[in-house]
Amino acid sequence: MQQSALSDLVDEPSACKVLGGENSPIHRSTLWRGVNAGRYPKPIKVGPGTNRWRLSELTAAVDRLAAARDGLAA
């Protein structure tokens, strides 16, 4: 796996910050509700009890949600 692919992985607290913002991250339960509802991307299982999200997928989800808010096709 390339180094850039590894640096694109973020843990649960970082995923919450990406989706909610640095100063007001979403709660982890909100993250998981969004994953289960299909609103946020599913994590990559890297080990027992260890999940990581691709930063690029999280930012794409934020962009998609903003486009839907603005009435634009995503």
PDB file of N, CA and C in Angstrom:
ATOM      1  N   MET A   1       0.851  -1.182   0.000  1.00  0.00           N
ATOM      2  CA  MET A   1       0.000   0.000   0.000  1.00  0.00           C
ATOM      3  C   MET A   1       0.893   1.241   0.000  1.00  0.00           C
ATOM      4  N   GLN A   2       0.503   2.228  -0.747  1.00  0.00           N
ATOM      5  CA  GLN A   2       1.298   3.446  -0.854  1.00  0.00           C
ATOM      6  C   GLN A   2       1.152   4.302   0.391  1.00  0.00           C
ATOM      7  N   GLN A   3       2.151   5.109   0.666  1.00  0.00           N
ATOM      8  CA  GLN A   3       2.146   5.984   1.838  1.00  0.00           C
ATOM      9  C   GLN A   3       0.983   6.959   1.801  1.00  0.00           C
ATOM     10  N   SER A   4       0.634   7.473   0.604  1.00  0.00           N
ATOM     11  CA  SER A   4      -0.468   8.438   0.530  1.00  0.00           C
ATOM     12  C   SER A   4      -1.790   7.796   0.925  1.00  0.00           C
ATOM     13  N   ALA A   5      -1.969   6.525   0.605  1.00  0.00           N
ATOM     14  CA  ALA A   5      -3.201   5.825   0.990  1.00  0.00           C
ATOM     15  C   ALA A   5      -3.262   5.657   2.499  1.00  0.00           C
ATOM     16  N   LEU A   6      -2.137   5.418   3.138  1.00  0.00           N
ATOM     17  CA  LEU A   6      -2.111   5.261   4.590  1.00  0.00           C
ATOM     18  C   LEU A   6      -2.354   6.581   5.302  1.00  0.00           C
ATOM     19  N   SER A   7      -1.831   7.660   4.756  1.00  0.00           N
ATOM     20  CA  SER A   7      -2.008   8.957   5.410  1.00  0.00           C
ATOM     21  C   SER A   7      -3.428   9.478   5.244  1.00  0.00           C
ATOM     22  N   ASP A   8      -4.198   8.856   4.370  1.00  0.00           N
ATOM     23  CA  ASP A   8      -5.584   9.256   4.135  1.00  0.00           C
ATOM     24  C   ASP A   8      -6.519   8.652   5.182  1.00  0.00           C
ATOM     25  N   LEU A   9      -6.037   7.727   6.021  1.00  0.00           N
ATOM     26  CA  LEU A   9      -6.874   7.065   7.011  1.00  0.00           C
ATOM     27  C   LEU A   9      -6.916   7.864   8.307  1.00  0.00           C
ATOM     28  N   VAL A  10      -8.134   8.020   8.861  1.00  0.00           N
ATOM     29  CA  VAL A  10      -8.295   8.739  10.122  1.00  0.00           C
ATOM     30  C   VAL A  10      -9.091   7.878  11.096  1.00  0.00           C
ATOM     31  N   ASP A  11      -8.881   8.105  12.382  1.00  0.00           N
ATOM     32  CA  ASP A  11      -9.577   7.345  13.416  1.00  0.00           C
ATOM     33  C   ASP A  11     -10.935   7.988  13.720  1.00  0.00           C
ATOM     34  N   GLU A  12     -11.665   7.370  14.650  1.00  0.00           N
ATOM     35  CA  GLU A  12     -13.021   7.821  14.974  1.00  0.00           C
ATOM     36  C   GLU A  12     -13.072   9.276  15.463  1.00  0.00           C
ATOM     37  N   PRO A  13     -12.213   9.669  16.420  1.00  0.00           N
ATOM     38  CA  PRO A  13     -12.269  11.083  16.857  1.00  0.00           C
ATOM     39  C   PRO A  13     -11.983  12.067  15.717  1.00  0.00           C
ATOM     40  N   SER A  14     -11.055  11.706  14.840  1.00  0.00           N
ATOM     41  CA  SER A  14     -10.745  12.584  13.708  1.00  0.00           C
ATOM     42  C   SER A  14     -11.898  12.638  12.720  1.00  0.00           C
ATOM     43  N   ALA A  15     -12.566  11.497  12.503  1.00  0.00           N
ATOM     44  CA  ALA A  15     -13.736  11.471  11.616  1.00  0.00           C
ATOM     45  C   ALA A  15     -14.827  12.388  12.161  1.00  0.00           C
ATOM     46  N   CYS A  16     -15.016  12.363  13.473  1.00  0.00           N
ATOM     47  CA  CYS A  16     -16.018  13.235  14.102  1.00  0.00           C
ATOM     48  C   CYS A  16     -15.673  14.702  13.908  1.00  0.00           C
ATOM     49  N   LYS A  17     -14.378  15.035  13.938  1.00  0.00           N
ATOM     50  CA  LYS A  17     -13.951  16.421  13.723  1.00  0.00           C
ATOM     51  C   LYS A  17     -14.137  16.845  12.276  1.00  0.00           C
ATOM     52  N   VAL A  18     -13.862  15.927  11.342  1.00  0.00           N
ATOM     53  CA  VAL A  18     -14.036  16.257   9.929  1.00  0.00           C
ATOM     54  C   VAL A  18     -15.503  16.558   9.632  1.00  0.00           C
ATOM     55  N   LEU A  19     -16.394  15.737  10.165  1.00  0.00           N
ATOM     56  CA  LEU A  19     -17.812  15.880   9.869  1.00  0.00           C
ATOM     57  C   LEU A  19     -18.461  17.040  10.623  1.00  0.00           C
ATOM     58  N   GLY A  20     -18.001  17.331  11.823  1.00  0.00           N
ATOM     59  CA  GLY A  20     -18.641  18.366  12.623  1.00  0.00           C
ATOM     60  C   GLY A  20     -17.858  19.656  12.733  1.00  0.00           C
ATOM     61  N   GLY A  21     -16.590  19.605  12.435  1.00  0.00           N
ATOM     62  CA  GLY A  21     -15.736  20.777  12.569  1.00  0.00           C
ATOM     63  C   GLY A  21     -14.790  20.622  13.738  1.00  0.00           C
ATOM     64  N   GLU A  22     -13.683  21.273  13.664  1.00  0.00           N
ATOM     65  CA  GLU A  22     -12.645  21.183  14.695  1.00  0.00           C
ATOM     66  C   GLU A  22     -13.145  21.655  16.053  1.00  0.00           C
ATOM     67  N   ASN A  23     -13.911  22.736  16.069  1.00  0.00           N
ATOM     68  CA  ASN A  23     -14.364  23.315  17.337  1.00  0.00           C
ATOM     69  C   ASN A  23     -15.619  22.673  17.897  1.00  0.00           C
ATOM     70  N   SER A  24     -16.383  21.977  17.051  1.00  0.00           N
ATOM     71  CA  SER A  24     -17.612  21.333  17.529  1.00  0.00           C
ATOM     72  C   SER A  24     -17.814  19.995  16.823  1.00  0.00           C
ATOM     73  N   PRO A  25     -16.946  19.029  17.094  1.00  0.00           N
ATOM     74  CA  PRO A  25     -17.074  17.732  16.420  1.00  0.00           C
ATOM     75  C   PRO A  25     -18.385  17.045  16.793  1.00  0.00           C
ATOM     76  N   ILE A  26     -18.857  16.204  15.885  1.00  0.00           N
ATOM     77  CA  ILE A  26     -20.064  15.447  16.194  1.00  0.00           C
ATOM     78  C   ILE A  26     -19.715  14.373  17.219  1.00  0.00           C
ATOM     79  N   HIS A  27     -20.716  13.888  17.926  1.00  0.00           N
ATOM     80  CA  HIS A  27     -20.511  12.827  18.912  1.00  0.00           C
ATOM     81  C   HIS A  27     -20.338  11.502  18.176  1.00  0.00           C
ATOM     82  N   ARG A  28     -19.612  10.585  18.773  1.00  0.00           N
ATOM     83  CA  ARG A  28     -19.354   9.294  18.128  1.00  0.00           C
ATOM     84  C   ARG A  28     -20.644   8.538  17.826  1.00  0.00           C
ATOM     85  N   SER A  29     -21.657   8.678  18.681  1.00  0.00           N
ATOM     86  CA  SER A  29     -22.920   7.995  18.404  1.00  0.00           C
ATOM     87  C   SER A  29     -23.608   8.599  17.180  1.00  0.00           C
ATOM     88  N   THR A  30     -23.433   9.895  16.960  1.00  0.00           N
ATOM     89  CA  THR A  30     -23.973  10.547  15.768  1.00  0.00           C
ATOM     90  C   THR A  30     -23.265  10.035  14.530  1.00  0.00           C
ATOM     91  N   LEU A  31     -21.965   9.837  14.640  1.00  0.00           N
ATOM     92  CA  LEU A  31     -21.189   9.266  13.532  1.00  0.00           C
ATOM     93  C   LEU A  31     -21.740   7.896  13.149  1.00  0.00           C
ATOM     94  N   TRP A  32     -21.924   7.034  14.139  1.00  0.00           N
ATOM     95  CA  TRP A  32     -22.377   5.673  13.858  1.00  0.00           C
ATOM     96  C   TRP A  32     -23.820   5.631  13.377  1.00  0.00           C
ATOM     97  N   ARG A  33     -24.669   6.515  13.875  1.00  0.00           N
ATOM     98  CA  ARG A  33     -26.041   6.593  13.350  1.00  0.00           C
ATOM     99  C   ARG A  33     -26.016   6.996  11.876  1.00  0.00           C
ATOM    100  N   GLY A  34     -25.141   7.930  11.547  1.00  0.00           N
ATOM    101  CA  GLY A  34     -25.000   8.361  10.152  1.00  0.00           C
ATOM    102  C   GLY A  34     -24.448   7.265   9.253  1.00  0.00           C
ATOM    103  N   VAL A  35     -23.511   6.482   9.775  1.00  0.00           N
ATOM    104  CA  VAL A  35     -22.972   5.355   9.010  1.00  0.00           C
ATOM    105  C   VAL A  35     -24.087   4.344   8.754  1.00  0.00           C
ATOM    106  N   ASN A  36     -24.842   4.001   9.797  1.00  0.00           N
ATOM    107  CA  ASN A  36     -25.918   3.021   9.659  1.00  0.00           C
ATOM    108  C   ASN A  36     -27.034   3.502   8.740  1.00  0.00           C
ATOM    109  N   ALA A  37     -27.251   4.800   8.686  1.00  0.00           N
ATOM    110  CA  ALA A  37     -28.286   5.372   7.823  1.00  0.00           C
ATOM    111  C   ALA A  37     -27.795   5.581   6.390  1.00  0.00           C
ATOM    112  N   GLY A  38     -26.495   5.408   6.151  1.00  0.00           N
ATOM    113  CA  GLY A  38     -25.938   5.614   4.821  1.00  0.00           C
ATOM    114  C   GLY A  38     -25.575   7.062   4.526  1.00  0.00           C
ATOM    115  N   ARG A  39     -25.663   7.923   5.530  1.00  0.00           N
ATOM    116  CA  ARG A  39     -25.337   9.340   5.360  1.00  0.00           C
ATOM    117  C   ARG A  39     -23.824   9.553   5.325  1.00  0.00           C
ATOM    118  N   TYR A  40     -23.093   8.767   6.106  1.00  0.00           N
ATOM    119  CA  TYR A  40     -21.629   8.847   6.176  1.00  0.00           C
ATOM    120  C   TYR A  40     -21.034   7.541   5.670  1.00  0.00           C
ATOM    121  N   PRO A  41     -19.796   7.573   5.182  1.00  0.00           N
ATOM    122  CA  PRO A  41     -19.180   6.353   4.655  1.00  0.00           C
ATOM    123  C   PRO A  41     -18.905   5.324   5.752  1.00  0.00           C
ATOM    124  N   LYS A  42     -18.951   4.059   5.355  1.00  0.00           N
ATOM    125  CA  LYS A  42     -18.616   2.985   6.285  1.00  0.00           C
ATOM    126  C   LYS A  42     -17.115   2.989   6.526  1.00  0.00           C
ATOM    127  N   PRO A  43     -16.691   2.601   7.730  1.00  0.00           N
ATOM    128  CA  PRO A  43     -15.254   2.564   8.016  1.00  0.00           C
ATOM    129  C   PRO A  43     -14.597   1.339   7.390  1.00  0.00           C
ATOM    130  N   ILE A  44     -13.287   1.376   7.348  1.00  0.00           N
ATOM    131  CA  ILE A  44     -12.474   0.233   6.953  1.00  0.00           C
ATOM    132  C   ILE A  44     -12.066  -0.462   8.235  1.00  0.00           C
ATOM    133  N   LYS A  45     -12.338  -1.740   8.333  1.00  0.00           N
ATOM    134  CA  LYS A  45     -11.992  -2.519   9.522  1.00  0.00           C
ATOM    135  C   LYS A  45     -10.527  -2.928   9.392  1.00  0.00           C
ATOM    136  N   VAL A  46      -9.658  -2.384  10.243  1.00  0.00           N
ATOM    137  CA  VAL A  46      -8.232  -2.706  10.162  1.00  0.00           C
ATOM    138  C   VAL A  46      -7.790  -3.681  11.240  1.00  0.00           C
ATOM    139  N   GLY A  47      -8.665  -3.991  12.152  1.00  0.00           N
ATOM    140  CA  GLY A  47      -8.362  -4.954  13.205  1.00  0.00           C
ATOM    141  C   GLY A  47      -9.556  -5.089  14.124  1.00  0.00           C
ATOM    142  N   PRO A  48      -9.452  -5.996  15.103  1.00  0.00           N
ATOM    143  CA  PRO A  48     -10.561  -6.156  16.051  1.00  0.00           C
ATOM    144  C   PRO A  48     -10.804  -4.851  16.820  1.00  0.00           C
ATOM    145  N   GLY A  49     -11.974  -4.290  16.654  1.00  0.00           N
ATOM    146  CA  GLY A  49     -12.308  -3.058  17.357  1.00  0.00           C
ATOM    147  C   GLY A  49     -11.573  -1.831  16.852  1.00  0.00           C
ATOM    148  N   THR A  50     -10.959  -1.940  15.673  1.00  0.00           N
ATOM    149  CA  THR A  50     -10.206  -0.820  15.122  1.00  0.00           C
ATOM    150  C   THR A  50     -10.752  -0.464  13.746  1.00  0.00           C
ATOM    151  N   ASN A  51     -11.285   0.721  13.636  1.00  0.00           N
ATOM    152  CA  ASN A  51     -11.856   1.214  12.383  1.00  0.00           C
ATOM    153  C   ASN A  51     -11.124   2.470  11.942  1.00  0.00           C
ATOM    154  N   ARG A  52     -11.045   2.638  10.635  1.00  0.00           N
ATOM    155  CA  ARG A  52     -10.477   3.857  10.068  1.00  0.00           C
ATOM    156  C   ARG A  52     -11.355   4.289   8.910  1.00  0.00           C
ATOM    157  N   TRP A  53     -11.421   5.580   8.688  1.00  0.00           N
ATOM    158  CA  TRP A  53     -12.158   6.154   7.566  1.00  0.00           C
ATOM    159  C   TRP A  53     -11.174   6.818   6.631  1.00  0.00           C
ATOM    160  N   ARG A  54     -11.482   6.794   5.349  1.00  0.00           N
ATOM    161  CA  ARG A  54     -10.676   7.546   4.378  1.00  0.00           C
ATOM    162  C   ARG A  54     -11.095   9.014   4.483  1.00  0.00           C
ATOM    163  N   LEU A  55     -10.125   9.868   4.681  1.00  0.00           N
ATOM    164  CA  LEU A  55     -10.380  11.303   4.779  1.00  0.00           C
ATOM    165  C   LEU A  55     -11.082  11.803   3.523  1.00  0.00           C
ATOM    166  N   SER A  56     -10.673  11.298   2.383  1.00  0.00           N
ATOM    167  CA  SER A  56     -11.276  11.736   1.118  1.00  0.00           C
ATOM    168  C   SER A  56     -12.758  11.377   1.058  1.00  0.00           C
ATOM    169  N   GLU A  57     -13.156  10.221   1.613  1.00  0.00           N
ATOM    170  CA  GLU A  57     -14.563   9.839   1.620  1.00  0.00           C
ATOM    171  C   GLU A  57     -15.371  10.706   2.578  1.00  0.00           C
ATOM    172  N   LEU A  58     -14.775  11.066   3.708  1.00  0.00           N
ATOM    173  CA  LEU A  58     -15.464  11.934   4.668  1.00  0.00           C
ATOM    174  C   LEU A  58     -15.690  13.324   4.087  1.00  0.00           C
ATOM    175  N   THR A  59     -14.664  13.881   3.451  1.00  0.00           N
ATOM    176  CA  THR A  59     -14.817  15.220   2.862  1.00  0.00           C
ATOM    177  C   THR A  59     -15.801  15.183   1.695  1.00  0.00           C
ATOM    178  N   ALA A  60     -15.839  14.066   0.953  1.00  0.00           N
ATOM    179  CA  ALA A  60     -16.815  13.925  -0.124  1.00  0.00           C
ATOM    180  C   ALA A  60     -18.237  13.883   0.453  1.00  0.00           C
ATOM    181  N   ALA A  61     -18.409  13.242   1.606  1.00  0.00           N
ATOM    182  CA  ALA A  61     -19.726  13.189   2.254  1.00  0.00           C
ATOM    183  C   ALA A  61     -20.167  14.589   2.677  1.00  0.00           C
ATOM    184  N   VAL A  62     -19.241  15.369   3.227  1.00  0.00           N
ATOM    185  CA  VAL A  62     -19.566  16.746   3.618  1.00  0.00           C
ATOM    186  C   VAL A  62     -19.955  17.557   2.387  1.00  0.00           C
ATOM    187  N   ASP A  63     -19.204  17.394   1.295  1.00  0.00           N
ATOM    188  CA  ASP A  63     -19.520  18.108   0.056  1.00  0.00           C
ATOM    189  C   ASP A  63     -20.892  17.701  -0.479  1.00  0.00           C
ATOM    190  N   ARG A  64     -21.204  16.402  -0.413  1.00  0.00           N
ATOM    191  CA  ARG A  64     -22.491  15.903  -0.880  1.00  0.00           C
ATOM    192  C   ARG A  64     -23.632  16.477  -0.034  1.00  0.00           C
ATOM    193  N   LEU A  65     -23.457  16.527   1.279  1.00  0.00           N
ATOM    194  CA  LEU A  65     -24.477  17.077   2.160  1.00  0.00           C
ATOM    195  C   LEU A  65     -24.678  18.570   1.916  1.00  0.00           C
ATOM    196  N   ALA A  66     -23.581  19.289   1.675  1.00  0.00           N
ATOM    197  CA  ALA A  66     -23.685  20.721   1.389  1.00  0.00           C
ATOM    198  C   ALA A  66     -24.390  20.954   0.063  1.00  0.00           C
ATOM    199  N   ALA A  67     -24.103  20.120  -0.935  1.00  0.00           N
ATOM    200  CA  ALA A  67     -24.762  20.258  -2.238  1.00  0.00           C
ATOM    201  C   ALA A  67     -26.261  19.998  -2.101  1.00  0.00           C
ATOM    202  N   ALA A  68     -26.625  18.995  -1.291  1.00  0.00           N
ATOM    203  CA  ALA A  68     -28.042  18.697  -1.084  1.00  0.00           C
ATOM    204  C   ALA A  68     -28.718  19.857  -0.358  1.00  0.00           C
ATOM    205  N   ARG A  69     -28.039  20.459   0.580  1.00  0.00           N
ATOM    206  CA  ARG A  69     -28.585  21.613   1.300  1.00  0.00           C
ATOM    207  C   ARG A  69     -28.838  22.767   0.352  1.00  0.00           C
ATOM    208  N   ASP A  70     -27.906  22.964  -0.574  1.00  0.00           N
ATOM    209  CA  ASP A  70     -28.002  24.080  -1.508  1.00  0.00           C
ATOM    210  C   ASP A  70     -28.894  23.763  -2.706  1.00  0.00           C
ATOM    211  N   GLY A  71     -29.442  22.547  -2.742  1.00  0.00           N
ATOM    212  CA  GLY A  71     -30.322  22.168  -3.830  1.00  0.00           C
ATOM    213  C   GLY A  71     -29.605  21.817  -5.109  1.00  0.00           C
ATOM    214  N   LEU A  72     -28.307  21.518  -5.024  1.00  0.00           N
ATOM    215  CA  LEU A  72     -27.533  21.160  -6.200  1.00  0.00           C
ATOM    216  C   LEU A  72     -27.446  19.650  -6.305  1.00  0.00           C
ATOM    217  N   ALA A  73     -27.312  19.155  -7.499  1.00  0.00           N
ATOM    218  CA  ALA A  73     -27.127  17.708  -7.690  1.00  0.00           C
ATOM    219  C   ALA A  73     -25.718  17.337  -7.258  1.00  0.00           C
ATOM    220  N   ALA A  74     -25.599  16.263  -6.466  1.00  0.00           N
ATOM    221  CA  ALA A  74     -24.278  15.844  -5.982  1.00  0.00           C
ATOM    222  C   ALA A  74     -23.651  14.843  -6.911  1.00  0.00           C
TER     223      ALA A  74
END
